[in-house]
C-alpha atoms as a PDB file:
ATOM      1  CA  MET A   1       0.000   0.000   0.000  1.00  0.00           C
ATOM      2  CA  ALA A   2       2.990   2.341   0.327  1.00  0.00           C
ATOM      3  CA  THR A   3       3.254   4.970  -2.340  1.00  0.00           C
ATOM      4  CA  ARG A   4       6.525   6.542  -3.342  1.00  0.00           C
ATOM      5  CA  PRO A   5       7.276   9.539  -5.539  1.00  0.00           C
ATOM      6  CA  GLY A   6       7.323   8.458  -9.151  1.00  0.00           C
ATOM      7  CA  SER A   7       4.766   5.686  -8.652  1.00  0.00           C
ATOM      8  CA  LEU A   8       1.153   5.945  -9.757  1.00  0.00           C
ATOM      9  CA  ALA A   9      -0.363   8.006  -6.973  1.00  0.00           C
ATOM     10  CA  ILE A  10      -3.570   9.978  -6.627  1.00  0.00           C
ATOM     11  CA  MET A  11      -3.762  12.900  -4.201  1.00  0.00           C
ATOM     12  CA  PHE A  12      -6.416  13.016  -1.523  1.00  0.00           C
ATOM     13  CA  VAL A  13      -7.471  15.551   1.067  1.00  0.00           C
ATOM     14  CA  LEU A  14      -8.761  13.838   4.192  1.00  0.00           C
ATOM     15  CA  GLU A  15     -10.804  16.170   6.363  1.00  0.00           C
ATOM     16  CA  LEU A  16     -11.489  14.973   9.885  1.00  0.00           C
ATOM     17  CA  THR A  17     -14.409  16.402  11.849  1.00  0.00           C
ATOM     18  CA  TYR A  18     -14.647  15.645  15.546  1.00  0.00           C
ATOM     19  CA  THR A  19     -17.915  14.013  16.567  1.00  0.00           C
ATOM     20  CA  ALA A  20     -17.080  13.991  20.275  1.00  0.00           C
ATOM     21  CA  PRO A  21     -15.778  16.573  22.736  1.00  0.00           C
ATOM     22  CA  VAL A  22     -12.081  17.464  22.424  1.00  0.00           C
ATOM     23  CA  SER A  23     -11.493  15.800  25.811  1.00  0.00           C
ATOM     24  CA  ALA A  24     -12.525  12.461  24.252  1.00  0.00           C
ATOM     25  CA  VAL A  25     -10.358  13.150  21.188  1.00  0.00           C
ATOM     26  CA  ASP A  26      -7.354  13.888  23.422  1.00  0.00           C
ATOM     27  CA  LYS A  27      -7.678  10.456  25.049  1.00  0.00           C
ATOM     28  CA  GLU A  28      -7.008   8.887  21.633  1.00  0.00           C
ATOM     29  CA  LEU A  29      -4.358  11.393  20.502  1.00  0.00           C
ATOM     30  CA  GLU A  30      -1.278   9.287  21.298  1.00  0.00           C
ATOM     31  CA  ALA A  31      -2.608   6.328  19.304  1.00  0.00           C
ATOM     32  CA  HIS A  32      -3.651   8.649  16.458  1.00  0.00           C
ATOM     33  CA  VAL A  33      -0.159  10.219  16.269  1.00  0.00           C
ATOM     34  CA  ALA A  34       1.460   6.751  16.208  1.00  0.00           C
ATOM     35  CA  TRP A  35      -0.908   5.822  13.352  1.00  0.00           C
ATOM     36  CA  LEU A  36       0.059   9.024  11.498  1.00  0.00           C
ATOM     37  CA  ASP A  37       3.776   8.282  11.984  1.00  0.00           C
ATOM     38  CA  GLN A  38       3.330   4.814  10.487  1.00  0.00           C
ATOM     39  CA  LEU A  39       1.657   6.206   7.371  1.00  0.00           C
ATOM     40  CA  TYR A  40       4.292   8.934   6.965  1.00  0.00           C
ATOM     41  CA  ALA A  41       6.947   6.210   7.086  1.00  0.00           C
ATOM     42  CA  GLN A  42       5.079   4.303   4.347  1.00  0.00           C
ATOM     43  CA  GLY A  43       5.023   7.397   2.126  1.00  0.00           C
ATOM     44  CA  VAL A  44       1.229   7.679   2.180  1.00  0.00           C
ATOM     45  CA  PHE A  45       0.875  10.911   4.173  1.00  0.00           C
ATOM     46  CA  ILE A  46       2.512  14.135   3.007  1.00  0.00           C
ATOM     47  CA  ALA A  47       1.176  16.700   5.503  1.00  0.00           C
ATOM     48  CA  SER A  48      -1.288  16.818   8.386  1.00  0.00           C
ATOM     49  CA  GLY A  49      -2.455  19.027  11.214  1.00  0.00           C
ATOM     50  CA  ARG A  50      -5.266  20.385  13.323  1.00  0.00           C
ATOM     51  CA  LYS A  51      -7.899  22.737  12.012  1.00  0.00           C
ATOM     52  CA  ASN A  52      -8.263  26.112  13.681  1.00  0.00           C
ATOM     53  CA  PRO A  53     -10.626  26.287  15.464  1.00  0.00           C
ATOM     54  CA  ARG A  54      -9.871  22.816  16.785  1.00  0.00           C
ATOM     55  CA  ASP A  55     -12.870  20.895  15.505  1.00  0.00           C
ATOM     56  CA  GLY A  56     -10.922  18.363  13.438  1.00  0.00           C
ATOM     57  CA  GLY A  57      -7.917  18.069  11.194  1.00  0.00           C
ATOM     58  CA  VAL A  58      -6.649  17.738   7.634  1.00  0.00           C
ATOM     59  CA  ILE A  59      -4.346  15.158   6.049  1.00  0.00           C
ATOM     60  CA  LEU A  60      -2.814  15.359   2.575  1.00  0.00           C
ATOM     61  CA  ALA A  61      -2.233  11.825   1.286  1.00  0.00           C
ATOM     62  CA  VAL A  62      -1.352   9.835  -1.818  1.00  0.00           C
ATOM     63  CA  ALA A  63      -2.555   6.368  -2.733  1.00  0.00           C
ATOM     64  CA  GLU A  64      -3.356   4.200  -5.731  1.00  0.00           C
ATOM     65  CA  ASP A  65      -7.114   4.625  -5.374  1.00  0.00           C
ATOM     66  CA  LEU A  66      -9.993   5.776  -3.210  1.00  0.00           C
ATOM     67  CA  ALA A  67     -10.563   2.305  -1.766  1.00  0.00           C
ATOM     68  CA  ALA A  68      -7.032   2.280  -0.330  1.00  0.00           C
ATOM     69  CA  ILE A  69      -7.556   5.662   1.342  1.00  0.00           C
ATOM     70  CA  GLU A  70     -10.935   4.613   2.729  1.00  0.00           C
ATOM     71  CA  GLU A  71      -9.323   1.523   4.247  1.00  0.00           C
ATOM     72  CA  ILE A  72      -6.560   3.650   5.775  1.00  0.00           C
ATOM     73  CA  ALA A  73      -9.055   6.135   7.240  1.00  0.00           C
ATOM     74  CA  ALA A  74     -11.099   3.284   8.750  1.00  0.00           C
ATOM     75  CA  GLY A  75      -7.996   2.227  10.690  1.00  0.00           C
ATOM     76  CA  ASP A  76      -7.515   5.619  12.355  1.00  0.00           C
ATOM     77  CA  PRO A  77      -7.773   5.211  16.146  1.00  0.00           C
ATOM     78  CA  PHE A  78     -10.031   8.302  16.134  1.00  0.00           C
ATOM     79  CA  VAL A  79     -12.483   6.448  13.865  1.00  0.00           C
ATOM     80  CA  ILE A  80     -12.243   3.238  15.873  1.00  0.00           C
ATOM     81  CA  ALA A  81     -12.976   5.225  19.065  1.00  0.00           C
ATOM     82  CA  GLU A  82     -15.836   6.989  17.235  1.00  0.00           C
ATOM     83  CA  VAL A  83     -14.548  10.502  17.940  1.00  0.00           C
ATOM     84  CA  CYS A  84     -14.293  11.682  14.322  1.00  0.00           C
ATOM     85  CA  GLU A  85     -15.651  11.254  10.820  1.00  0.00           C
ATOM     86  CA  TYR A  86     -13.768  11.589   7.533  1.00  0.00           C
ATOM     87  CA  ARG A  87     -14.593  13.468   4.362  1.00  0.00           C
ATOM     88  CA  ILE A  88     -12.278  12.305   1.575  1.00  0.00           C
ATOM     89  CA  THR A  89     -11.716  14.361  -1.564  1.00  0.00           C
ATOM     90  CA  GLU A  90      -9.697  13.114  -4.533  1.00  0.00           C
ATOM     91  CA  PHE A  91      -7.986  15.765  -6.624  1.00  0.00           C
ATOM     92  CA  ILE A  92      -5.640  16.050  -9.564  1.00  0.00           C
ATOM     93  CA  ALA A  93      -2.492  17.891  -8.478  1.00  0.00           C
ATOM     94  CA  THR A  94      -1.538  19.693 -11.684  1.00  0.00           C
ATOM     95  CA  LYS A  95       0.618  22.280  -9.903  1.00  0.00           C
ATOM     96  CA  THR A  96       2.772  21.695  -6.832  1.00  0.00           C
ATOM     97  CA  ALA A  97       5.715  23.030  -4.859  1.00  0.00           C
ATOM     98  CA  PRO A  98       9.010  21.715  -6.247  1.00  0.00           C
ATOM     99  CA  GLU A  99       9.251  19.160  -3.416  1.00  0.00           C
ATOM    100  CA  LEU A 100       5.963  17.604  -4.510  1.00  0.00           C
ATOM    101  CA  ALA A 101       6.770  17.514  -8.230  1.00  0.00           C
ATOM    102  CA  PRO A 102       6.810  13.685  -8.313  1.00  0.00           C
ATOM    103  CA  TYR A 103       3.077  13.750  -7.466  1.00  0.00           C
ATOM    104  CA  ARG A 104       2.039  16.150 -10.252  1.00  0.00           C
ATOM    105  CA  GLN A 105      -0.482  14.852 -12.742  1.00  0.00           C
ATOM    106  CA  VAL A 106      -1.297  15.928 -16.276  1.00  0.00           C
ATOM    107  CA  LEU A 107      -4.886  16.406 -17.329  1.00  0.00           C
ATOM    108  CA  PRO A 108      -5.939  14.214 -20.266  1.00  0.00           C
END
């Protein structure tokens, strides 16, 4: 499931919205960060962080298809603990910062 620059990869924006009080989210934060670290190491996640105001978060990810991203999101400890929901948006990255050039796509 790991995606590396230069491989066929589709960009996704994963928007997390908390469905429980922040105190409940914080109880799962350590497990969530460990999960994030694992996916960064696999080359799936590119950037992530909290929204401001703190009612969720955003993850920029790459994968081969939507099904792979949905499976990844389902494994988030926040989802397992039922403290957040995901909205997943696929997009075609036709322009990027130089560091993300391997993920650029060309429109047909």
